Amino acid sequence: MMMIQKASLRRRKSIFRTSIPYLYVLPSIIVMGCLLAYPMFYNLYVSLHRWQLARPDKPFIGFDNFKAVLTDEIFMKVMTTTVIWTVAGVLLQMLLGLFASLYVDERRRSKGVLRSLLLLPWVLPGVVTALMWSWMLQSDMGILNYILQSLHITDHPISWLGSTTHAMWTLVFVNTWKAFPFWFLMLLAGLQDIPNDQVEAARIDGARWLGIVRYVKIPHLTPIIGATGVITTIWTLNYFDLIWVTTKGGPMDTTSTLPIYTYRLAFEFFDFGKSSAMAIVSLVLIGIICSPYLRAMLKSIKE
């Protein structure tokens, strides 16, 4: 009988010990649950009702808001713009960050200075970046047009942000300038973890710079590229400040991405039901787009 009681007491102590770490993090889980779960469920609740400021009643309408959003003629235009904005932005950020990290990694004396300078665009607040570039890109008084005309590259001012042809690609360039330092920092950290003996062995075997990058450095950077790709894809999809401050989604909705369209549905058209539905659609799309990255990351971790 005593042996049974001792075994039961040990089992209780073991359960108590194993549950202590969970008890420590329980308050944080509760707080995060309230901060994240409640807004998500409330957003879902609003999306299932006709929630318009112009109408006092808020009847339940099921998935009508989702149908209205997905069948709206502007939705496909916004989706196309969002895909161009995200794919072009992430690819350019990755390429520029890769070249910058490879260059800085091979510098010995100026590595710290170059790293600090390249990180400056990333640490600037989004609104500051947007205002700074909107002033420089003004068609009449912007410094960029002044330089181009002074060098006789163009004989007339270019409307960088007011043209349906130039606006989107101008914003992609500005976003790349601001966001590529994050890629640079992540890839530089990965490059510094590559053993020097592998690089030296490749050089002894006669490999040139391009061969070393392709067959030695890039394979080591693949997990970092996957993880950084997921993060920057989510950031770029949800980026709001730059577009709203510079163009507000114009001209003619050519720079209107999913966050801009969602914001306008709520605070210009005061249709919070459709805006909430659009936010849920955006969340689902982010999950679909990022799932290949996540699968690749899990596969590389298992290997």
C-alpha atoms as a PDB file:
ATOM      1  CA  MET A   1       0.000   0.000   0.000  1.00  0.00           C
ATOM      2  CA  MET A   2       2.835   2.354   0.895  1.00  0.00           C
ATOM      3  CA  MET A   3       4.551   1.629  -2.443  1.00  0.00           C
ATOM      4  CA  ILE A   4       1.376   2.540  -4.335  1.00  0.00           C
ATOM      5  CA  GLN A   5       1.026   5.796  -2.397  1.00  0.00           C
ATOM      6  CA  LYS A   6       4.674   6.710  -3.060  1.00  0.00           C
ATOM      7  CA  ALA A   7       4.299   5.971  -6.779  1.00  0.00           C
ATOM      8  CA  SER A   8       1.146   8.095  -6.908  1.00  0.00           C
ATOM      9  CA  LEU A   9       2.926  10.932  -5.085  1.00  0.00           C
ATOM     10  CA  ARG A  10       5.876  10.763  -7.494  1.00  0.00           C
ATOM     11  CA  ARG A  11       3.484  10.838 -10.454  1.00  0.00           C
ATOM     12  CA  ARG A  12       1.747  13.936  -9.089  1.00  0.00           C
ATOM     13  CA  LYS A  13       5.074  15.687  -8.510  1.00  0.00           C
ATOM     14  CA  SER A  14       6.181  14.781 -12.026  1.00  0.00           C
ATOM     15  CA  ILE A  15       2.968  16.166 -13.520  1.00  0.00           C
ATOM     16  CA  PHE A  16       3.357  19.326 -11.434  1.00  0.00           C
ATOM     17  CA  ARG A  17       6.978  19.794 -12.545  1.00  0.00           C
ATOM     18  CA  THR A  18       6.151  19.323 -16.220  1.00  0.00           C
ATOM     19  CA  SER A  19       3.212  21.727 -16.001  1.00  0.00           C
ATOM     20  CA  ILE A  20       5.179  24.559 -14.328  1.00  0.00           C
ATOM     21  CA  PRO A  21       6.677  25.925 -17.602  1.00  0.00           C
ATOM     22  CA  TYR A  22       3.214  26.044 -19.149  1.00  0.00           C
ATOM     23  CA  LEU A  23       1.857  27.893 -16.119  1.00  0.00           C
ATOM     24  CA  TYR A  24       4.607  30.512 -16.511  1.00  0.00           C
ATOM     25  CA  VAL A  25       3.663  31.231 -20.132  1.00  0.00           C
ATOM     26  CA  LEU A  26      -0.106  30.940 -19.570  1.00  0.00           C
ATOM     27  CA  PRO A  27      -0.597  34.692 -18.827  1.00  0.00           C
ATOM     28  CA  SER A  28       1.212  35.597 -22.051  1.00  0.00           C
ATOM     29  CA  ILE A  29      -0.886  33.097 -24.011  1.00  0.00           C
ATOM     30  CA  ILE A  30      -4.084  34.564 -22.553  1.00  0.00           C
ATOM     31  CA  VAL A  31      -3.017  38.140 -23.365  1.00  0.00           C
ATOM     32  CA  MET A  32      -1.959  37.239 -26.912  1.00  0.00           C
ATOM     33  CA  GLY A  33      -5.175  35.284 -27.374  1.00  0.00           C
ATOM     34  CA  CYS A  34      -7.216  38.320 -26.377  1.00  0.00           C
ATOM     35  CA  LEU A  35      -5.171  40.645 -28.600  1.00  0.00           C
ATOM     36  CA  LEU A  36      -5.232  38.366 -31.656  1.00  0.00           C
ATOM     37  CA  ALA A  37      -8.163  35.965 -31.390  1.00  0.00           C
ATOM     38  CA  TYR A  38     -10.826  38.504 -30.414  1.00  0.00           C
ATOM     39  CA  PRO A  39     -10.157  40.925 -33.333  1.00  0.00           C
ATOM     40  CA  MET A  40     -10.071  37.997 -35.784  1.00  0.00           C
ATOM     41  CA  PHE A  41     -13.396  36.561 -34.643  1.00  0.00           C
ATOM     42  CA  TYR A  42     -14.953  40.014 -34.452  1.00  0.00           C
ATOM     43  CA  ASN A  43     -13.748  40.736 -37.980  1.00  0.00           C
ATOM     44  CA  LEU A  44     -15.372  37.477 -39.125  1.00  0.00           C
ATOM     45  CA  TYR A  45     -18.583  38.493 -37.351  1.00  0.00           C
ATOM     46  CA  VAL A  46     -18.633  41.891 -39.086  1.00  0.00           C
ATOM     47  CA  SER A  47     -17.958  40.289 -42.481  1.00  0.00           C
ATOM     48  CA  LEU A  48     -21.134  38.211 -42.157  1.00  0.00           C
ATOM     49  CA  HIS A  49     -23.337  41.294 -41.644  1.00  0.00           C
ATOM     50  CA  ARG A  50     -24.327  44.288 -43.742  1.00  0.00           C
ATOM     51  CA  TRP A  51     -22.272  46.714 -41.654  1.00  0.00           C
ATOM     52  CA  GLN A  52     -22.551  50.155 -43.221  1.00  0.00           C
ATOM     53  CA  LEU A  53     -22.401  53.479 -41.405  1.00  0.00           C
ATOM     54  CA  ALA A  54     -25.172  54.857 -43.599  1.00  0.00           C
ATOM     55  CA  ARG A  55     -27.574  52.160 -42.367  1.00  0.00           C
ATOM     56  CA  PRO A  56     -28.525  51.796 -38.698  1.00  0.00           C
ATOM     57  CA  ASP A  57     -29.494  48.121 -39.068  1.00  0.00           C
ATOM     58  CA  LYS A  58     -26.839  45.423 -39.368  1.00  0.00           C
ATOM     59  CA  PRO A  59     -28.650  42.310 -40.631  1.00  0.00           C
ATOM     60  CA  PHE A  60     -26.972  38.941 -41.007  1.00  0.00           C
ATOM     61  CA  ILE A  61     -26.323  38.281 -44.710  1.00  0.00           C
ATOM     62  CA  GLY A  62     -24.043  35.235 -44.608  1.00  0.00           C
ATOM     63  CA  PHE A  63     -21.371  35.224 -47.299  1.00  0.00           C
ATOM     64  CA  ASP A  64     -22.918  37.992 -49.419  1.00  0.00           C
ATOM     65  CA  ASN A  65     -20.079  40.386 -48.598  1.00  0.00           C
ATOM     66  CA  PHE A  66     -17.544  37.821 -49.814  1.00  0.00           C
ATOM     67  CA  LYS A  67     -19.513  37.290 -53.028  1.00  0.00           C
ATOM     68  CA  ALA A  68     -19.760  41.051 -53.595  1.00  0.00           C
ATOM     69  CA  VAL A  69     -16.034  41.555 -53.040  1.00  0.00           C
ATOM     70  CA  LEU A  70     -14.906  38.635 -55.192  1.00  0.00           C
ATOM     71  CA  THR A  71     -17.239  39.485 -58.082  1.00  0.00           C
ATOM     72  CA  ASP A  72     -16.472  43.211 -58.053  1.00  0.00           C
ATOM     73  CA  GLU A  73     -14.813  44.288 -61.312  1.00  0.00           C
ATOM     74  CA  ILE A  74     -12.096  46.155 -59.420  1.00  0.00           C
ATOM     75  CA  PHE A  75     -11.110  43.035 -57.435  1.00  0.00           C
ATOM     76  CA  MET A  76      -9.202  41.397 -60.308  1.00  0.00           C
ATOM     77  CA  LYS A  77      -7.433  44.675 -61.037  1.00  0.00           C
ATOM     78  CA  VAL A  78      -6.417  44.985 -57.388  1.00  0.00           C
ATOM     79  CA  MET A  79      -5.286  41.350 -57.351  1.00  0.00           C
ATOM     80  CA  THR A  80      -3.151  41.828 -60.474  1.00  0.00           C
ATOM     81  CA  THR A  81      -1.585  44.953 -58.999  1.00  0.00           C
ATOM     82  CA  THR A  82      -0.907  43.148 -55.711  1.00  0.00           C
ATOM     83  CA  VAL A  83       0.784  40.221 -57.473  1.00  0.00           C
ATOM     84  CA  ILE A  84       3.014  42.551 -59.523  1.00  0.00           C
ATOM     85  CA  TRP A  85       3.830  44.632 -56.449  1.00  0.00           C
ATOM     86  CA  THR A  86       4.711  41.586 -54.336  1.00  0.00           C
ATOM     87  CA  VAL A  87       6.542  39.375 -56.838  1.00  0.00           C
ATOM     88  CA  ALA A  88       8.586  42.187 -58.387  1.00  0.00           C
ATOM     89  CA  GLY A  89       9.356  43.712 -55.001  1.00  0.00           C
ATOM     90  CA  VAL A  90      10.491  40.506 -53.288  1.00  0.00           C
ATOM     91  CA  LEU A  91      12.608  39.366 -56.263  1.00  0.00           C
ATOM     92  CA  LEU A  92      14.365  42.726 -56.588  1.00  0.00           C
ATOM     93  CA  GLN A  93      14.955  42.922 -52.835  1.00  0.00           C
ATOM     94  CA  MET A  94      16.437  39.423 -52.844  1.00  0.00           C
ATOM     95  CA  LEU A  95      18.749  40.049 -55.809  1.00  0.00           C
ATOM     96  CA  LEU A  96      19.960  43.413 -54.533  1.00  0.00           C
ATOM     97  CA  GLY A  97      20.413  42.051 -51.009  1.00  0.00           C
ATOM     98  CA  LEU A  98      22.347  39.052 -52.353  1.00  0.00           C
ATOM     99  CA  PHE A  99      24.743  41.154 -54.435  1.00  0.00           C
ATOM    100  CA  ALA A 100      25.257  43.626 -51.572  1.00  0.00           C
ATOM    101  CA  SER A 101      25.931  40.850 -49.050  1.00  0.00           C
ATOM    102  CA  LEU A 102      28.394  39.095 -51.380  1.00  0.00           C
ATOM    103  CA  TYR A 103      30.243  42.364 -51.952  1.00  0.00           C
ATOM    104  CA  VAL A 104      30.417  43.372 -48.289  1.00  0.00           C
ATOM    105  CA  ASP A 105      31.383  39.856 -47.170  1.00  0.00           C
ATOM    106  CA  GLU A 106      34.575  40.035 -49.235  1.00  0.00           C
ATOM    107  CA  ARG A 107      35.596  43.422 -47.867  1.00  0.00           C
ATOM    108  CA  ARG A 108      37.930  43.368 -44.888  1.00  0.00           C
ATOM    109  CA  ARG A 109      38.538  46.935 -43.726  1.00  0.00           C
ATOM    110  CA  SER A 110      35.331  48.713 -44.732  1.00  0.00           C
ATOM    111  CA  LYS A 111      32.851  45.962 -43.816  1.00  0.00           C
ATOM    112  CA  GLY A 112      31.482  47.734 -40.729  1.00  0.00           C
ATOM    113  CA  VAL A 113      31.061  51.095 -42.474  1.00  0.00           C
ATOM    114  CA  LEU A 114      29.367  49.558 -45.512  1.00  0.00           C
ATOM    115  CA  ARG A 115      27.035  47.522 -43.321  1.00  0.00           C
ATOM    116  CA  SER A 116      25.968  50.621 -41.387  1.00  0.00           C
ATOM    117  CA  LEU A 117      25.377  52.658 -44.549  1.00  0.00           C
ATOM    118  CA  LEU A 118      23.358  49.927 -46.245  1.00  0.00           C
ATOM    119  CA  LEU A 119      21.106  49.546 -43.210  1.00  0.00           C
ATOM    120  CA  LEU A 120      20.078  53.218 -43.195  1.00  0.00           C
ATOM    121  CA  PRO A 121      17.109  52.863 -45.612  1.00  0.00           C
ATOM    122  CA  TRP A 122      15.679  50.002 -43.566  1.00  0.00           C
ATOM    123  CA  VAL A 123      15.713  51.835 -40.232  1.00  0.00           C
ATOM    124  CA  LEU A 124      13.877  54.874 -41.627  1.00  0.00           C
ATOM    125  CA  PRO A 125      10.155  54.945 -40.729  1.00  0.00           C
ATOM    126  CA  GLY A 126       7.854  54.108 -43.629  1.00  0.00           C
ATOM    127  CA  VAL A 127       6.110  57.489 -43.619  1.00  0.00           C
ATOM    128  CA  VAL A 128       9.447  59.328 -43.630  1.00  0.00           C
ATOM    129  CA  THR A 129      10.591  57.253 -46.605  1.00  0.00           C
ATOM    130  CA  ALA A 130       7.341  57.923 -48.453  1.00  0.00           C
ATOM    131  CA  LEU A 131       7.479  61.693 -47.874  1.00  0.00           C
ATOM    132  CA  MET A 132      11.165  61.906 -48.784  1.00  0.00           C
ATOM    133  CA  TRP A 133      10.705  60.074 -52.091  1.00  0.00           C
ATOM    134  CA  SER A 134       7.450  61.840 -52.956  1.00  0.00           C
ATOM    135  CA  TRP A 135       9.309  65.165 -52.706  1.00  0.00           C
ATOM    136  CA  MET A 136      12.246  63.926 -54.770  1.00  0.00           C
ATOM    137  CA  LEU A 137       9.908  62.446 -57.402  1.00  0.00           C
ATOM    138  CA  GLN A 138       7.740  65.533 -57.902  1.00  0.00           C
ATOM    139  CA  SER A 139       7.290  66.226 -61.591  1.00  0.00           C
ATOM    140  CA  ASP A 140       7.842  70.002 -61.381  1.00  0.00           C
ATOM    141  CA  MET A 141      10.214  70.544 -58.421  1.00  0.00           C
ATOM    142  CA  GLY A 142      11.651  67.094 -57.764  1.00  0.00           C
ATOM    143  CA  ILE A 143      15.408  66.658 -57.695  1.00  0.00           C
ATOM    144  CA  LEU A 144      15.307  63.517 -59.859  1.00  0.00           C
ATOM    145  CA  ASN A 145      13.714  65.298 -62.808  1.00  0.00           C
ATOM    146  CA  TYR A 146      16.102  68.216 -62.302  1.00  0.00           C
ATOM    147  CA  ILE A 147      19.115  65.876 -62.555  1.00  0.00           C
ATOM    148  CA  LEU A 148      17.738  64.053 -65.603  1.00  0.00           C
ATOM    149  CA  GLN A 149      17.008  67.309 -67.418  1.00  0.00           C
ATOM    150  CA  SER A 150      20.383  68.796 -66.450  1.00  0.00           C
ATOM    151  CA  LEU A 151      22.120  65.757 -67.946  1.00  0.00           C
ATOM    152  CA  HIS A 152      19.890  66.021 -71.036  1.00  0.00           C
ATOM    153  CA  ILE A 153      18.580  62.497 -70.494  1.00  0.00           C
ATOM    154  CA  THR A 154      15.061  63.848 -70.900  1.00  0.00           C
ATOM    155  CA  ASP A 155      13.783  67.157 -72.207  1.00  0.00           C
ATOM    156  CA  HIS A 156      10.566  67.188 -70.178  1.00  0.00           C
ATOM    157  CA  PRO A 157       9.662  66.422 -66.557  1.00  0.00           C
ATOM    158  CA  ILE A 158       8.438  62.879 -65.936  1.00  0.00           C
ATOM    159  CA  SER A 159       5.382  62.298 -63.767  1.00  0.00           C
ATOM    160  CA  TRP A 160       6.760  59.423 -61.721  1.00  0.00           C
ATOM    161  CA  LEU A 161       3.812  59.077 -59.346  1.00  0.00           C
ATOM    162  CA  GLY A 162       1.034  60.601 -61.447  1.00  0.00           C
ATOM    163  CA  SER A 163       1.367  58.413 -64.532  1.00  0.00           C
ATOM    164  CA  THR A 164      -0.431  55.096 -64.932  1.00  0.00           C
ATOM    165  CA  THR A 165       2.673  53.822 -66.733  1.00  0.00           C
ATOM    166  CA  HIS A 166       5.314  54.800 -64.174  1.00  0.00           C
ATOM    167  CA  ALA A 167       3.558  54.887 -60.788  1.00  0.00           C
ATOM    168  CA  MET A 168       3.617  51.178 -59.910  1.00  0.00           C
ATOM    169  CA  TRP A 169       7.212  50.557 -60.974  1.00  0.00           C
ATOM    170  CA  THR A 170       8.338  53.725 -59.219  1.00  0.00           C
ATOM    171  CA  LEU A 171       6.815  52.459 -55.976  1.00  0.00           C
ATOM    172  CA  VAL A 172       8.382  49.020 -56.506  1.00  0.00           C
ATOM    173  CA  PHE A 173      11.771  50.729 -56.842  1.00  0.00           C
ATOM    174  CA  VAL A 174      11.260  52.815 -53.687  1.00  0.00           C
ATOM    175  CA  ASN A 175      10.068  49.786 -51.726  1.00  0.00           C
ATOM    176  CA  THR A 176      13.092  47.806 -52.939  1.00  0.00           C
ATOM    177  CA  TRP A 177      15.405  50.607 -51.815  1.00  0.00           C
ATOM    178  CA  LYS A 178      13.840  50.575 -48.351  1.00  0.00           C
ATOM    179  CA  ALA A 179      13.461  46.817 -47.830  1.00  0.00           C
ATOM    180  CA  PHE A 180      16.542  45.232 -49.436  1.00  0.00           C
ATOM    181  CA  PRO A 181      18.778  45.934 -46.366  1.00  0.00           C
ATOM    182  CA  PHE A 182      16.821  43.279 -44.471  1.00  0.00           C
ATOM    183  CA  TRP A 183      17.773  40.721 -47.126  1.00  0.00           C
ATOM    184  CA  PHE A 184      21.325  42.049 -47.024  1.00  0.00           C
ATOM    185  CA  LEU A 185      21.560  41.607 -43.256  1.00  0.00           C
ATOM    186  CA  MET A 186      20.113  38.083 -43.246  1.00  0.00           C
ATOM    187  CA  LEU A 187      22.248  36.872 -46.152  1.00  0.00           C
ATOM    188  CA  LEU A 188      25.402  38.492 -44.777  1.00  0.00           C
ATOM    189  CA  ALA A 189      24.884  36.623 -41.509  1.00  0.00           C
ATOM    190  CA  GLY A 190      24.526  33.402 -43.493  1.00  0.00           C
ATOM    191  CA  LEU A 191      27.662  34.085 -45.523  1.00  0.00           C
ATOM    192  CA  GLN A 192      29.716  34.647 -42.394  1.00  0.00           C
ATOM    193  CA  ASP A 193      28.692  31.196 -41.115  1.00  0.00           C
ATOM    194  CA  ILE A 194      30.114  29.398 -44.179  1.00  0.00           C
ATOM    195  CA  PRO A 195      33.347  27.575 -43.220  1.00  0.00           C
ATOM    196  CA  ASN A 196      36.388  29.169 -44.856  1.00  0.00           C
ATOM    197  CA  ASP A 197      37.915  25.782 -45.611  1.00  0.00           C
ATOM    198  CA  GLN A 198      35.107  25.014 -48.077  1.00  0.00           C
ATOM    199  CA  VAL A 199      35.700  28.272 -49.934  1.00  0.00           C
ATOM    200  CA  GLU A 200      39.466  27.720 -49.949  1.00  0.00           C
ATOM    201  CA  ALA A 201      39.033  24.143 -51.172  1.00  0.00           C
ATOM    202  CA  ALA A 202      36.901  25.390 -54.059  1.00  0.00           C
ATOM    203  CA  ARG A 203      39.565  27.962 -54.960  1.00  0.00           C
ATOM    204  CA  ILE A 204      42.303  25.323 -54.890  1.00  0.00           C
ATOM    205  CA  ASP A 205      40.190  23.189 -57.233  1.00  0.00           C
ATOM    206  CA  GLY A 206      40.169  26.087 -59.686  1.00  0.00           C
ATOM    207  CA  ALA A 207      36.688  27.460 -59.059  1.00  0.00           C
ATOM    208  CA  ARG A 208      36.216  31.109 -59.928  1.00  0.00           C
ATOM    209  CA  TRP A 209      34.131  33.655 -58.023  1.00  0.00           C
ATOM    210  CA  LEU A 210      30.898  32.781 -59.823  1.00  0.00           C
ATOM    211  CA  GLY A 211      31.453  29.062 -59.296  1.00  0.00           C
ATOM    212  CA  ILE A 212      32.119  29.547 -55.579  1.00  0.00           C
ATOM    213  CA  VAL A 213      28.943  31.589 -55.228  1.00  0.00           C
ATOM    214  CA  ARG A 214      26.843  29.098 -57.177  1.00  0.00           C
ATOM    215  CA  TYR A 215      28.099  25.803 -55.747  1.00  0.00           C
ATOM    216  CA  VAL A 216      29.334  26.735 -52.264  1.00  0.00           C
ATOM    217  CA  LYS A 217      27.610  29.857 -50.969  1.00  0.00           C
ATOM    218  CA  ILE A 218      24.107  29.653 -52.478  1.00  0.00           C
ATOM    219  CA  PRO A 219      23.437  26.095 -51.148  1.00  0.00           C
ATOM    220  CA  HIS A 220      24.312  27.296 -47.638  1.00  0.00           C
ATOM    221  CA  LEU A 221      22.004  30.296 -48.026  1.00  0.00           C
ATOM    222  CA  THR A 222      18.962  28.344 -49.282  1.00  0.00           C
ATOM    223  CA  PRO A 223      17.247  27.973 -45.842  1.00  0.00           C
ATOM    224  CA  ILE A 224      17.849  31.663 -45.098  1.00  0.00           C
ATOM    225  CA  ILE A 225      16.483  32.667 -48.501  1.00  0.00           C
ATOM    226  CA  GLY A 226      13.344  30.608 -47.839  1.00  0.00           C
ATOM    227  CA  ALA A 227      12.736  32.073 -44.374  1.00  0.00           C
ATOM    228  CA  THR A 228      13.476  35.634 -45.471  1.00  0.00           C
ATOM    229  CA  GLY A 229      11.262  35.130 -48.522  1.00  0.00           C
ATOM    230  CA  VAL A 230       8.308  34.223 -46.310  1.00  0.00           C
ATOM    231  CA  ILE A 231       8.832  37.246 -44.058  1.00  0.00           C
ATOM    232  CA  THR A 232       9.322  39.776 -46.865  1.00  0.00           C
ATOM    233  CA  THR A 233       6.393  38.365 -48.867  1.00  0.00           C
ATOM    234  CA  ILE A 234       4.073  38.928 -45.910  1.00  0.00           C
ATOM    235  CA  TRP A 235       5.528  42.397 -45.288  1.00  0.00           C
ATOM    236  CA  THR A 236       5.254  43.419 -48.940  1.00  0.00           C
ATOM    237  CA  LEU A 237       1.690  42.120 -49.268  1.00  0.00           C
ATOM    238  CA  ASN A 238       0.639  44.093 -46.197  1.00  0.00           C
ATOM    239  CA  TYR A 239       2.683  47.239 -46.891  1.00  0.00           C
ATOM    240  CA  PHE A 240       0.439  50.274 -46.608  1.00  0.00           C
ATOM    241  CA  ASP A 241       2.412  53.420 -45.648  1.00  0.00           C
ATOM    242  CA  LEU A 242       4.400  53.988 -48.826  1.00  0.00           C
ATOM    243  CA  ILE A 243       1.511  53.546 -51.260  1.00  0.00           C
ATOM    244  CA  TRP A 244      -1.018  55.519 -49.235  1.00  0.00           C
ATOM    245  CA  VAL A 245       1.247  58.506 -48.551  1.00  0.00           C
ATOM    246  CA  THR A 246       2.522  58.767 -52.145  1.00  0.00           C
ATOM    247  CA  THR A 247      -0.415  57.830 -54.411  1.00  0.00           C
ATOM    248  CA  LYS A 248      -3.364  56.695 -52.225  1.00  0.00           C
ATOM    249  CA  GLY A 249      -3.816  53.862 -54.706  1.00  0.00           C
ATOM    250  CA  GLY A 250      -3.956  56.077 -57.789  1.00  0.00           C
ATOM    251  CA  PRO A 251      -3.759  57.100 -60.494  1.00  0.00           C
ATOM    252  CA  MET A 252      -6.880  55.216 -61.636  1.00  0.00           C
ATOM    253  CA  ASP A 253      -6.281  52.435 -59.075  1.00  0.00           C
ATOM    254  CA  THR A 254      -3.023  51.384 -60.764  1.00  0.00           C
ATOM    255  CA  THR A 255      -1.258  51.224 -57.379  1.00  0.00           C
ATOM    256  CA  SER A 256      -4.236  50.000 -55.354  1.00  0.00           C
ATOM    257  CA  THR A 257      -3.169  46.808 -53.557  1.00  0.00           C
ATOM    258  CA  LEU A 258      -5.237  44.643 -51.210  1.00  0.00           C
ATOM    259  CA  PRO A 259      -4.461  46.679 -48.044  1.00  0.00           C
ATOM    260  CA  ILE A 260      -5.241  49.950 -49.857  1.00  0.00           C
ATOM    261  CA  TYR A 261      -8.510  48.583 -51.250  1.00  0.00           C
ATOM    262  CA  THR A 262      -9.495  47.195 -47.838  1.00  0.00           C
ATOM    263  CA  TYR A 263      -8.802  50.552 -46.188  1.00  0.00           C
ATOM    264  CA  ARG A 264     -10.793  52.465 -48.798  1.00  0.00           C
ATOM    265  CA  LEU A 265     -13.789  50.146 -48.434  1.00  0.00           C
ATOM    266  CA  ALA A 266     -13.864  50.934 -44.717  1.00  0.00           C
ATOM    267  CA  PHE A 267     -12.934  54.613 -44.489  1.00  0.00           C
ATOM    268  CA  GLU A 268     -13.965  56.035 -47.864  1.00  0.00           C
ATOM    269  CA  PHE A 269     -17.051  53.963 -48.663  1.00  0.00           C
ATOM    270  CA  PHE A 270     -17.833  53.213 -44.974  1.00  0.00           C
ATOM    271  CA  ASP A 271     -18.705  49.602 -45.791  1.00  0.00           C
ATOM    272  CA  PHE A 272     -17.113  47.754 -42.900  1.00  0.00           C
ATOM    273  CA  GLY A 273     -18.772  44.469 -43.829  1.00  0.00           C
ATOM    274  CA  LYS A 274     -17.078  44.322 -47.230  1.00  0.00           C
ATOM    275  CA  SER A 275     -13.847  45.647 -45.769  1.00  0.00           C
ATOM    276  CA  SER A 276     -13.795  42.855 -43.181  1.00  0.00           C
ATOM    277  CA  ALA A 277     -14.535  40.298 -45.896  1.00  0.00           C
ATOM    278  CA  MET A 278     -11.673  41.710 -47.962  1.00  0.00           C
ATOM    279  CA  ALA A 279      -9.337  41.425 -44.973  1.00  0.00           C
ATOM    280  CA  ILE A 280     -10.216  37.738 -44.567  1.00  0.00           C
ATOM    281  CA  VAL A 281      -9.702  37.131 -48.295  1.00  0.00           C
ATOM    282  CA  SER A 282      -6.281  38.796 -47.984  1.00  0.00           C
ATOM    283  CA  LEU A 283      -5.383  36.548 -45.040  1.00  0.00           C
ATOM    284  CA  VAL A 284      -6.329  33.422 -47.006  1.00  0.00           C
ATOM    285  CA  LEU A 285      -4.321  34.586 -50.023  1.00  0.00           C
ATOM    286  CA  ILE A 286      -1.261  35.249 -47.855  1.00  0.00           C
ATOM    287  CA  GLY A 287      -1.538  31.717 -46.492  1.00  0.00           C
ATOM    288  CA  ILE A 288      -1.794  30.240 -49.997  1.00  0.00           C
ATOM    289  CA  ILE A 289       1.150  32.260 -51.315  1.00  0.00           C
ATOM    290  CA  CYS A 290       3.410  31.513 -48.352  1.00  0.00           C
ATOM    291  CA  SER A 291       2.604  27.784 -48.123  1.00  0.00           C
ATOM    292  CA  PRO A 292       5.219  26.732 -50.761  1.00  0.00           C
ATOM    293  CA  TYR A 293       7.895  28.663 -48.848  1.00  0.00           C
ATOM    294  CA  LEU A 294       6.870  26.995 -45.590  1.00  0.00           C
ATOM    295  CA  ARG A 295       6.866  23.516 -47.155  1.00  0.00           C
ATOM    296  CA  ALA A 296      10.345  24.109 -48.581  1.00  0.00           C
ATOM    297  CA  MET A 297      11.587  25.335 -45.196  1.00  0.00           C
ATOM    298  CA  LEU A 298      10.190  22.289 -43.378  1.00  0.00           C
ATOM    299  CA  LYS A 299      11.707  19.991 -45.992  1.00  0.00           C
ATOM    300  CA  SER A 300      15.143  21.602 -45.644  1.00  0.00           C
ATOM    301  CA  ILE A 301      14.937  21.362 -41.835  1.00  0.00           C
ATOM    302  CA  LYS A 302      14.095  17.641 -41.999  1.00  0.00           C
ATOM    303  CA  GLU A 303      16.958  17.008 -44.397  1.00  0.00           C
END
